[in-house]
Structure formats: structure tokens, C-alpha cells
Amino acid sequence: MSEILVNDARVMSKGQVTIPKNIRAALGISAGDRVTFILENGTVRVLNSAVYAMQKFQAEMKGEAQNAGFISEEDVAAWITASRHKENDE
């Protein structure tokens, strides 16, 4: 079962909220990082923007490796080796 963290924060006059330290740590967020807010069915999720972007990218690319003929890690390794040999020959 995943850990559930609950914490409160006050909304300031400009709409700013300080994300509690334990929540920042759990999300891997540091000063200067960006966060993404997702509102869905009246619930807001806050995610590390870099993690969210990677999740979206992975979802978009799902199945593309198989479409390109990469079925196993060995297929990928063979392609990398062949690409390096080709680059060195050029």
C-alpha cells in the first residue's frame, strides 16, 4: 500500500501556497523546480513538472519501440552497436 501524506497550507492574497517540506521531499521538488497542477473531477493533483512531462512522453511513445522492431533489450543494444559502427565508418 502506498504512503498517504496529508498537510495543510494557507493561500496567500496573490494565490501563493507554500508546499510543505514533507510533500516537496516526497515529490522530489526543490527550490526553482516547476510543478504541474491537474484538476480532475474536483480534485487537484500536484506533480513535479519534469516527472509529469516524462510520463506524458512515455505514454505518447508507448508501443513505438515494438513498431520499430525493438522487442528486447538485446535488439536495442544491437541497434546502438550498429549505429556506432556506422558513425565511425563515416
PDB file of N, CA and C in Angstrom:
ATOM      1  N   MET A   1       0.847  -1.180   0.000  1.00  0.00           N
ATOM      2  CA  MET A   1       0.000   0.000   0.000  1.00  0.00           C
ATOM      3  C   MET A   1       0.888   1.237   0.000  1.00  0.00           C
ATOM      4  N   SER A   2       0.531   2.241  -0.785  1.00  0.00           N
ATOM      5  CA  SER A   2       1.338   3.450  -0.851  1.00  0.00           C
ATOM      6  C   SER A   2       1.086   4.337   0.369  1.00  0.00           C
ATOM      7  N   GLU A   3       2.105   5.118   0.688  1.00  0.00           N
ATOM      8  CA  GLU A   3       2.014   6.024   1.833  1.00  0.00           C
ATOM      9  C   GLU A   3       1.125   7.211   1.481  1.00  0.00           C
ATOM     10  N   ILE A   4       0.305   7.631   2.412  1.00  0.00           N
ATOM     11  CA  ILE A   4      -0.553   8.792   2.212  1.00  0.00           C
ATOM     12  C   ILE A   4      -0.023   9.922   3.088  1.00  0.00           C
ATOM     13  N   LEU A   5       0.248  11.064   2.463  1.00  0.00           N
ATOM     14  CA  LEU A   5       0.694  12.253   3.191  1.00  0.00           C
ATOM     15  C   LEU A   5      -0.413  13.287   3.121  1.00  0.00           C
ATOM     16  N   VAL A   6      -0.722  13.879   4.235  1.00  0.00           N
ATOM     17  CA  VAL A   6      -1.748  14.921   4.303  1.00  0.00           C
ATOM     18  C   VAL A   6      -1.126  16.114   5.001  1.00  0.00           C
ATOM     19  N   ASN A   7      -1.311  17.294   4.426  1.00  0.00           N
ATOM     20  CA  ASN A   7      -0.789  18.503   5.036  1.00  0.00           C
ATOM     21  C   ASN A   7      -1.614  19.681   4.560  1.00  0.00           C
ATOM     22  N   ASP A   8      -1.673  20.733   5.363  1.00  0.00           N
ATOM     23  CA  ASP A   8      -2.430  21.935   5.025  1.00  0.00           C
ATOM     24  C   ASP A   8      -1.482  23.073   4.703  1.00  0.00           C
ATOM     25  N   ALA A   9      -1.963  24.016   3.900  1.00  0.00           N
ATOM     26  CA  ALA A   9      -1.201  25.230   3.624  1.00  0.00           C
ATOM     27  C   ALA A   9      -2.193  26.369   3.424  1.00  0.00           C
ATOM     28  N   ARG A  10      -1.786  27.549   3.781  1.00  0.00           N
ATOM     29  CA  ARG A  10      -2.645  28.732   3.648  1.00  0.00           C
ATOM     30  C   ARG A  10      -2.416  29.369   2.274  1.00  0.00           C
ATOM     31  N   VAL A  11      -3.505  29.778   1.634  1.00  0.00           N
ATOM     32  CA  VAL A  11      -3.419  30.501   0.365  1.00  0.00           C
ATOM     33  C   VAL A  11      -3.250  31.980   0.688  1.00  0.00           C
ATOM     34  N   MET A  12      -2.201  32.578   0.132  1.00  0.00           N
ATOM     35  CA  MET A  12      -1.913  33.989   0.386  1.00  0.00           C
ATOM     36  C   MET A  12      -2.717  34.868  -0.584  1.00  0.00           C
ATOM     37  N   SER A  13      -2.669  36.178  -0.395  1.00  0.00           N
ATOM     38  CA  SER A  13      -3.500  37.105  -1.175  1.00  0.00           C
ATOM     39  C   SER A  13      -3.251  37.020  -2.676  1.00  0.00           C
ATOM     40  N   LYS A  14      -2.036  36.656  -3.091  1.00  0.00           N
ATOM     41  CA  LYS A  14      -1.722  36.539  -4.520  1.00  0.00           C
ATOM     42  C   LYS A  14      -1.923  35.113  -5.045  1.00  0.00           C
ATOM     43  N   GLY A  15      -2.555  34.251  -4.239  1.00  0.00           N
ATOM     44  CA  GLY A  15      -2.807  32.874  -4.646  1.00  0.00           C
ATOM     45  C   GLY A  15      -1.625  31.946  -4.420  1.00  0.00           C
ATOM     46  N   GLN A  16      -0.611  32.436  -3.739  1.00  0.00           N
ATOM     47  CA  GLN A  16       0.571  31.619  -3.491  1.00  0.00           C
ATOM     48  C   GLN A  16       0.351  30.685  -2.318  1.00  0.00           C
ATOM     49  N   VAL A  17       0.944  29.492  -2.444  1.00  0.00           N
ATOM     50  CA  VAL A  17       0.879  28.481  -1.393  1.00  0.00           C
ATOM     51  C   VAL A  17       2.285  27.929  -1.214  1.00  0.00           C
ATOM     52  N   THR A  18       2.706  27.755   0.020  1.00  0.00           N
ATOM     53  CA  THR A  18       3.977  27.091   0.288  1.00  0.00           C
ATOM     54  C   THR A  18       3.705  25.601   0.378  1.00  0.00           C
ATOM     55  N   ILE A  19       4.377  24.826  -0.457  1.00  0.00           N
ATOM     56  CA  ILE A  19       4.220  23.375  -0.418  1.00  0.00           C
ATOM     57  C   ILE A  19       4.990  22.870   0.808  1.00  0.00           C
ATOM     58  N   PRO A  20       4.329  22.172   1.708  1.00  0.00           N
ATOM     59  CA  PRO A  20       5.002  21.694   2.916  1.00  0.00           C
ATOM     60  C   PRO A  20       6.245  20.858   2.596  1.00  0.00           C
ATOM     61  N   LYS A  21       7.232  20.939   3.481  1.00  0.00           N
ATOM     62  CA  LYS A  21       8.527  20.295   3.281  1.00  0.00           C
ATOM     63  C   LYS A  21       8.402  18.802   3.007  1.00  0.00           C
ATOM     64  N   ASN A  22       7.568  18.104   3.781  1.00  0.00           N
ATOM     65  CA  ASN A  22       7.458  16.658   3.575  1.00  0.00           C
ATOM     66  C   ASN A  22       6.828  16.312   2.223  1.00  0.00           C
ATOM     67  N   ILE A  23       5.947  17.166   1.737  1.00  0.00           N
ATOM     68  CA  ILE A  23       5.327  16.953   0.423  1.00  0.00           C
ATOM     69  C   ILE A  23       6.351  17.228  -0.677  1.00  0.00           C
ATOM     70  N   ARG A  24       7.124  18.317  -0.539  1.00  0.00           N
ATOM     71  CA  ARG A  24       8.189  18.618  -1.517  1.00  0.00           C
ATOM     72  C   ARG A  24       9.176  17.462  -1.602  1.00  0.00           C
ATOM     73  N   ALA A  25       9.545  16.934  -0.449  1.00  0.00           N
ATOM     74  CA  ALA A  25      10.501  15.813  -0.428  1.00  0.00           C
ATOM     75  C   ALA A  25       9.913  14.596  -1.145  1.00  0.00           C
ATOM     76  N   ALA A  26       8.655  14.299  -0.870  1.00  0.00           N
ATOM     77  CA  ALA A  26       8.016  13.132  -1.486  1.00  0.00           C
ATOM     78  C   ALA A  26       7.903  13.282  -3.002  1.00  0.00           C
ATOM     79  N   LEU A  27       7.725  14.526  -3.471  1.00  0.00           N
ATOM     80  CA  LEU A  27       7.595  14.785  -4.908  1.00  0.00           C
ATOM     81  C   LEU A  27       8.929  15.027  -5.586  1.00  0.00           C
ATOM     82  N   GLY A  28       9.993  15.119  -4.812  1.00  0.00           N
ATOM     83  CA  GLY A  28      11.302  15.390  -5.392  1.00  0.00           C
ATOM     84  C   GLY A  28      11.408  16.808  -5.933  1.00  0.00           C
ATOM     85  N   ILE A  29      10.780  17.753  -5.234  1.00  0.00           N
ATOM     86  CA  ILE A  29      10.751  19.149  -5.669  1.00  0.00           C
ATOM     87  C   ILE A  29      11.719  19.968  -4.818  1.00  0.00           C
ATOM     88  N   SER A  30      12.540  20.763  -5.496  1.00  0.00           N
ATOM     89  CA  SER A  30      13.487  21.660  -4.820  1.00  0.00           C
ATOM     90  C   SER A  30      13.214  23.090  -5.259  1.00  0.00           C
ATOM     91  N   ALA A  31      13.848  24.031  -4.588  1.00  0.00           N
ATOM     92  CA  ALA A  31      13.697  25.445  -4.953  1.00  0.00           C
ATOM     93  C   ALA A  31      14.038  25.631  -6.424  1.00  0.00           C
ATOM     94  N   GLY A  32      13.188  26.338  -7.129  1.00  0.00           N
ATOM     95  CA  GLY A  32      13.403  26.613  -8.546  1.00  0.00           C
ATOM     96  C   GLY A  32      12.753  25.604  -9.480  1.00  0.00           C
ATOM     97  N   ASP A  33      12.342  24.452  -8.964  1.00  0.00           N
ATOM     98  CA  ASP A  33      11.661  23.457  -9.794  1.00  0.00           C
ATOM     99  C   ASP A  33      10.263  23.951 -10.149  1.00  0.00           C
ATOM    100  N   ARG A  34       9.690  23.340 -11.167  1.00  0.00           N
ATOM    101  CA  ARG A  34       8.330  23.674 -11.571  1.00  0.00           C
ATOM    102  C   ARG A  34       7.396  22.549 -11.132  1.00  0.00           C
ATOM    103  N   VAL A  35       6.147  22.907 -10.868  1.00  0.00           N
ATOM    104  CA  VAL A  35       5.124  21.920 -10.549  1.00  0.00           C
ATOM    105  C   VAL A  35       3.974  22.054 -11.543  1.00  0.00           C
ATOM    106  N   THR A  36       3.264  20.970 -11.723  1.00  0.00           N
ATOM    107  CA  THR A  36       2.104  20.937 -12.608  1.00  0.00           C
ATOM    108  C   THR A  36       0.876  20.658 -11.752  1.00  0.00           C
ATOM    109  N   PHE A  37      -0.175  21.430 -11.980  1.00  0.00           N
ATOM    110  CA  PHE A  37      -1.445  21.241 -11.288  1.00  0.00           C
ATOM    111  C   PHE A  37      -2.415  20.588 -12.264  1.00  0.00           C
ATOM    112  N   ILE A  38      -3.051  19.507 -11.837  1.00  0.00           N
ATOM    113  CA  ILE A  38      -4.039  18.832 -12.671  1.00  0.00           C
ATOM    114  C   ILE A  38      -5.350  18.809 -11.887  1.00  0.00           C
ATOM    115  N   LEU A  39      -6.370  19.428 -12.466  1.00  0.00           N
ATOM    116  CA  LEU A  39      -7.700  19.452 -11.851  1.00  0.00           C
ATOM    117  C   LEU A  39      -8.561  18.435 -12.579  1.00  0.00           C
ATOM    118  N   GLU A  40      -9.053  17.456 -11.823  1.00  0.00           N
ATOM    119  CA  GLU A  40      -9.847  16.389 -12.413  1.00  0.00           C
ATOM    120  C   GLU A  40     -10.958  16.002 -11.447  1.00  0.00           C
ATOM    121  N   ASN A  41     -12.182  16.183 -11.875  1.00  0.00           N
ATOM    122  CA  ASN A  41     -13.346  15.829 -11.051  1.00  0.00           C
ATOM    123  C   ASN A  41     -13.303  16.475  -9.667  1.00  0.00           C
ATOM    124  N   GLY A  42     -12.906  17.731  -9.612  1.00  0.00           N
ATOM    125  CA  GLY A  42     -12.906  18.468  -8.357  1.00  0.00           C
ATOM    126  C   GLY A  42     -11.723  18.184  -7.452  1.00  0.00           C
ATOM    127  N   THR A  43     -10.780  17.384  -7.919  1.00  0.00           N
ATOM    128  CA  THR A  43      -9.585  17.060  -7.141  1.00  0.00           C
ATOM    129  C   THR A  43      -8.361  17.604  -7.867  1.00  0.00           C
ATOM    130  N   VAL A  44      -7.470  18.224  -7.103  1.00  0.00           N
ATOM    131  CA  VAL A  44      -6.245  18.769  -7.686  1.00  0.00           C
ATOM    132  C   VAL A  44      -5.084  17.860  -7.323  1.00  0.00           C
ATOM    133  N   ARG A  45      -4.299  17.514  -8.336  1.00  0.00           N
ATOM    134  CA  ARG A  45      -3.054  16.772  -8.112  1.00  0.00           C
ATOM    135  C   ARG A  45      -1.909  17.726  -8.422  1.00  0.00           C
ATOM    136  N   VAL A  46      -0.868  17.678  -7.599  1.00  0.00           N
ATOM    137  CA  VAL A  46       0.333  18.478  -7.814  1.00  0.00           C
ATOM    138  C   VAL A  46       1.457  17.500  -8.114  1.00  0.00           C
ATOM    139  N   LEU A  47       2.126  17.713  -9.249  1.00  0.00           N
ATOM    140  CA  LEU A  47       3.204  16.824  -9.656  1.00  0.00           C
ATOM    141  C   LEU A  47       4.455  17.622  -9.977  1.00  0.00           C
ATOM    142  N   ASN A  48       5.591  16.995  -9.813  1.00  0.00           N
ATOM    143  CA  ASN A  48       6.847  17.549 -10.295  1.00  0.00           C
ATOM    144  C   ASN A  48       6.712  17.638 -11.814  1.00  0.00           C
ATOM    145  N   SER A  49       6.882  18.828 -12.395  1.00  0.00           N
ATOM    146  CA  SER A  49       6.661  19.011 -13.829  1.00  0.00           C
ATOM    147  C   SER A  49       7.567  18.137 -14.682  1.00  0.00           C
ATOM    148  N   ALA A  50       8.802  17.918 -14.255  1.00  0.00           N
ATOM    149  CA  ALA A  50       9.720  17.072 -15.024  1.00  0.00           C
ATOM    150  C   ALA A  50       9.211  15.630 -15.051  1.00  0.00           C
ATOM    151  N   VAL A  51       8.709  15.157 -13.933  1.00  0.00           N
ATOM    152  CA  VAL A  51       8.169  13.801 -13.860  1.00  0.00           C
ATOM    153  C   VAL A  51       6.917  13.705 -14.729  1.00  0.00           C
ATOM    154  N   TYR A  52       6.056  14.699 -14.653  1.00  0.00           N
ATOM    155  CA  TYR A  52       4.825  14.707 -15.447  1.00  0.00           C
ATOM    156  C   TYR A  52       5.142  14.713 -16.938  1.00  0.00           C
ATOM    157  N   ALA A  53       6.108  15.521 -17.353  1.00  0.00           N
ATOM    158  CA  ALA A  53       6.492  15.573 -18.769  1.00  0.00           C
ATOM    159  C   ALA A  53       7.008  14.211 -19.231  1.00  0.00           C
ATOM    160  N   MET A  54       7.815  13.557 -18.412  1.00  0.00           N
ATOM    161  CA  MET A  54       8.339  12.235 -18.774  1.00  0.00           C
ATOM    162  C   MET A  54       7.213  11.215 -18.865  1.00  0.00           C
ATOM    163  N   GLN A  55       6.243  11.271 -17.958  1.00  0.00           N
ATOM    164  CA  GLN A  55       5.111  10.348 -18.006  1.00  0.00           C
ATOM    165  C   GLN A  55       4.309  10.546 -19.290  1.00  0.00           C
ATOM    166  N   LYS A  56       4.084  11.800 -19.654  1.00  0.00           N
ATOM    167  CA  LYS A  56       3.347  12.088 -20.892  1.00  0.00           C
ATOM    168  C   LYS A  56       4.119  11.587 -22.102  1.00  0.00           C
ATOM    169  N   PHE A  57       5.431  11.829 -22.126  1.00  0.00           N
ATOM    170  CA  PHE A  57       6.266  11.375 -23.226  1.00  0.00           C
ATOM    171  C   PHE A  57       6.223   9.851 -23.345  1.00  0.00           C
ATOM    172  N   GLN A  58       6.357   9.162 -22.213  1.00  0.00           N
ATOM    173  CA  GLN A  58       6.323   7.703 -22.240  1.00  0.00           C
ATOM    174  C   GLN A  58       4.975   7.189 -22.738  1.00  0.00           C
ATOM    175  N   ALA A  59       3.894   7.832 -22.341  1.00  0.00           N
ATOM    176  CA  ALA A  59       2.567   7.424 -22.808  1.00  0.00           C
ATOM    177  C   ALA A  59       2.443   7.628 -24.315  1.00  0.00           C
ATOM    178  N   GLU A  60       2.970   8.746 -24.813  1.00  0.00           N
ATOM    179  CA  GLU A  60       2.924   9.036 -26.252  1.00  0.00           C
ATOM    180  C   GLU A  60       3.738   8.022 -27.057  1.00  0.00           C
ATOM    181  N   MET A  61       4.845   7.572 -26.482  1.00  0.00           N
ATOM    182  CA  MET A  61       5.757   6.679 -27.191  1.00  0.00           C
ATOM    183  C   MET A  61       5.442   5.200 -26.989  1.00  0.00           C
ATOM    184  N   LYS A  62       4.445   4.905 -26.160  1.00  0.00           N
ATOM    185  CA  LYS A  62       4.119   3.513 -25.852  1.00  0.00           C
ATOM    186  C   LYS A  62       3.875   2.726 -27.143  1.00  0.00           C
ATOM    187  N   GLY A  63       4.563   1.628 -27.264  1.00  0.00           N
ATOM    188  CA  GLY A  63       4.387   0.750 -28.427  1.00  0.00           C
ATOM    189  C   GLY A  63       5.264   1.096 -29.611  1.00  0.00           C
ATOM    190  N   GLU A  64       5.896   2.264 -29.611  1.00  0.00           N
ATOM    191  CA  GLU A  64       6.697   2.677 -30.764  1.00  0.00           C
ATOM    192  C   GLU A  64       7.954   1.825 -30.928  1.00  0.00           C
ATOM    193  N   ALA A  65       8.565   1.403 -29.831  1.00  0.00           N
ATOM    194  CA  ALA A  65       9.757   0.556 -29.935  1.00  0.00           C
ATOM    195  C   ALA A  65       9.400  -0.758 -30.625  1.00  0.00           C
ATOM    196  N   GLN A  66       8.284  -1.339 -30.232  1.00  0.00           N
ATOM    197  CA  GLN A  66       7.857  -2.598 -30.853  1.00  0.00           C
ATOM    198  C   GLN A  66       7.547  -2.369 -32.331  1.00  0.00           C
ATOM    199  N   ASN A  67       6.918  -1.234 -32.651  1.00  0.00           N
ATOM    200  CA  ASN A  67       6.622  -0.924 -34.054  1.00  0.00           C
ATOM    201  C   ASN A  67       7.897  -0.808 -34.878  1.00  0.00           C
ATOM    202  N   ALA A  68       8.988  -0.366 -34.235  1.00  0.00           N
ATOM    203  CA  ALA A  68      10.269  -0.211 -34.927  1.00  0.00           C
ATOM    204  C   ALA A  68      11.071  -1.512 -34.926  1.00  0.00           C
ATOM    205  N   GLY A  69      10.540  -2.575 -34.320  1.00  0.00           N
ATOM    206  CA  GLY A  69      11.215  -3.862 -34.321  1.00  0.00           C
ATOM    207  C   GLY A  69      12.083  -4.120 -33.111  1.00  0.00           C
ATOM    208  N   PHE A  70      12.009  -3.267 -32.111  1.00  0.00           N
ATOM    209  CA  PHE A  70      12.779  -3.468 -30.887  1.00  0.00           C
ATOM    210  C   PHE A  70      11.909  -4.229 -29.888  1.00  0.00           C
ATOM    211  N   ILE A  71      12.132  -5.535 -29.836  1.00  0.00           N
ATOM    212  CA  ILE A  71      11.313  -6.381 -28.980  1.00  0.00           C
ATOM    213  C   ILE A  71      11.992  -6.625 -27.634  1.00  0.00           C
ATOM    214  N   SER A  72      13.329  -6.625 -27.634  1.00  0.00           N
ATOM    215  CA  SER A  72      14.061  -6.923 -26.409  1.00  0.00           C
ATOM    216  C   SER A  72      15.177  -5.902 -26.199  1.00  0.00           C
ATOM    217  N   GLU A  73      15.785  -5.951 -25.014  1.00  0.00           N
ATOM    218  CA  GLU A  73      16.931  -5.082 -24.747  1.00  0.00           C
ATOM    219  C   GLU A  73      18.088  -5.423 -25.677  1.00  0.00           C
ATOM    220  N   GLU A  74      18.193  -6.681 -26.045  1.00  0.00           N
ATOM    221  CA  GLU A  74      19.247  -7.091 -26.972  1.00  0.00           C
ATOM    222  C   GLU A  74      19.068  -6.428 -28.337  1.00  0.00           C
ATOM    223  N   ASP A  75      17.822  -6.271 -28.777  1.00  0.00           N
ATOM    224  CA  ASP A  75      17.552  -5.585 -30.049  1.00  0.00           C
ATOM    225  C   ASP A  75      18.035  -4.140 -29.991  1.00  0.00           C
ATOM    226  N   VAL A  76      17.765  -3.486 -28.872  1.00  0.00           N
ATOM    227  CA  VAL A  76      18.197  -2.090 -28.695  1.00  0.00           C
ATOM    228  C   VAL A  76      19.715  -2.019 -28.666  1.00  0.00           C
ATOM    229  N   ALA A  77      20.355  -2.913 -27.913  1.00  0.00           N
ATOM    230  CA  ALA A  77      21.816  -2.926 -27.823  1.00  0.00           C
ATOM    231  C   ALA A  77      22.444  -3.171 -29.191  1.00  0.00           C
ATOM    232  N   ALA A  78      21.866  -4.084 -29.964  1.00  0.00           N
ATOM    233  CA  ALA A  78      22.394  -4.360 -31.306  1.00  0.00           C
ATOM    234  C   ALA A  78      22.262  -3.137 -32.203  1.00  0.00           C
ATOM    235  N   TRP A  79      21.145  -2.440 -32.106  1.00  0.00           N
ATOM    236  CA  TRP A  79      20.950  -1.234 -32.920  1.00  0.00           C
ATOM    237  C   TRP A  79      21.966  -0.156 -32.541  1.00  0.00           C
ATOM    238  N   ILE A  80      22.199   0.015 -31.236  1.00  0.00           N
ATOM    239  CA  ILE A  80      23.172   1.009 -30.777  1.00  0.00           C
ATOM    240  C   ILE A  80      24.564   0.658 -31.297  1.00  0.00           C
ATOM    241  N   THR A  81      24.941  -0.609 -31.186  1.00  0.00           N
ATOM    242  CA  THR A  81      26.254  -1.048 -31.664  1.00  0.00           C
ATOM    243  C   THR A  81      26.388  -0.794 -33.161  1.00  0.00           C
ATOM    244  N   ALA A  82      25.373  -1.164 -33.920  1.00  0.00           N
ATOM    245  CA  ALA A  82      25.408  -0.949 -35.371  1.00  0.00           C
ATOM    246  C   ALA A  82      25.481   0.539 -35.698  1.00  0.00           C
ATOM    247  N   SER A  83      24.751   1.364 -34.968  1.00  0.00           N
ATOM    248  CA  SER A  83      24.768   2.817 -35.213  1.00  0.00           C
ATOM    249  C   SER A  83      26.142   3.400 -34.933  1.00  0.00           C
ATOM    250  N   ARG A  84      26.767   2.933 -33.869  1.00  0.00           N
ATOM    251  CA  ARG A  84      28.113   3.424 -33.545  1.00  0.00           C
ATOM    252  C   ARG A  84      29.114   3.018 -34.614  1.00  0.00           C
ATOM    253  N   HIS A  85      29.012   1.775 -35.094  1.00  0.00           N
ATOM    254  CA  HIS A  85      29.916   1.320 -36.153  1.00  0.00           C
ATOM    255  C   HIS A  85      29.710   2.160 -37.409  1.00  0.00           C
ATOM    256  N   LYS A  86      28.459   2.441 -37.721  1.00  0.00           N
ATOM    257  CA  LYS A  86      28.132   3.243 -38.916  1.00  0.00           C
ATOM    258  C   LYS A  86      28.710   4.649 -38.783  1.00  0.00           C
ATOM    259  N   GLU A  87      28.568   5.267 -37.594  1.00  0.00           N
ATOM    260  CA  GLU A  87      29.105   6.620 -37.359  1.00  0.00           C
ATOM    261  C   GLU A  87      30.615   6.625 -37.484  1.00  0.00           C
ATOM    262  N   ASN A  88      31.275   5.586 -36.980  1.00  0.00           N
ATOM    263  CA  ASN A  88      32.742   5.516 -37.020  1.00  0.00           C
ATOM    264  C   ASN A  88      33.239   5.296 -38.444  1.00  0.00           C
ATOM    265  N   ASP A  89      32.423   4.646 -39.291  1.00  0.00           N
ATOM    266  CA  ASP A  89      32.817   4.397 -40.671  1.00  0.00           C
ATOM    267  C   ASP A  89      32.675   5.644 -41.547  1.00  0.00           C
ATOM    268  N   GLU A  90      31.827   6.585 -41.109  1.00  0.00           N
ATOM    269  CA  GLU A  90      31.554   7.788 -41.931  1.00  0.00           C
ATOM    270  C   GLU A  90      32.640   8.799 -41.844  1.00  0.00           C
TER     271      GLU A  90
END
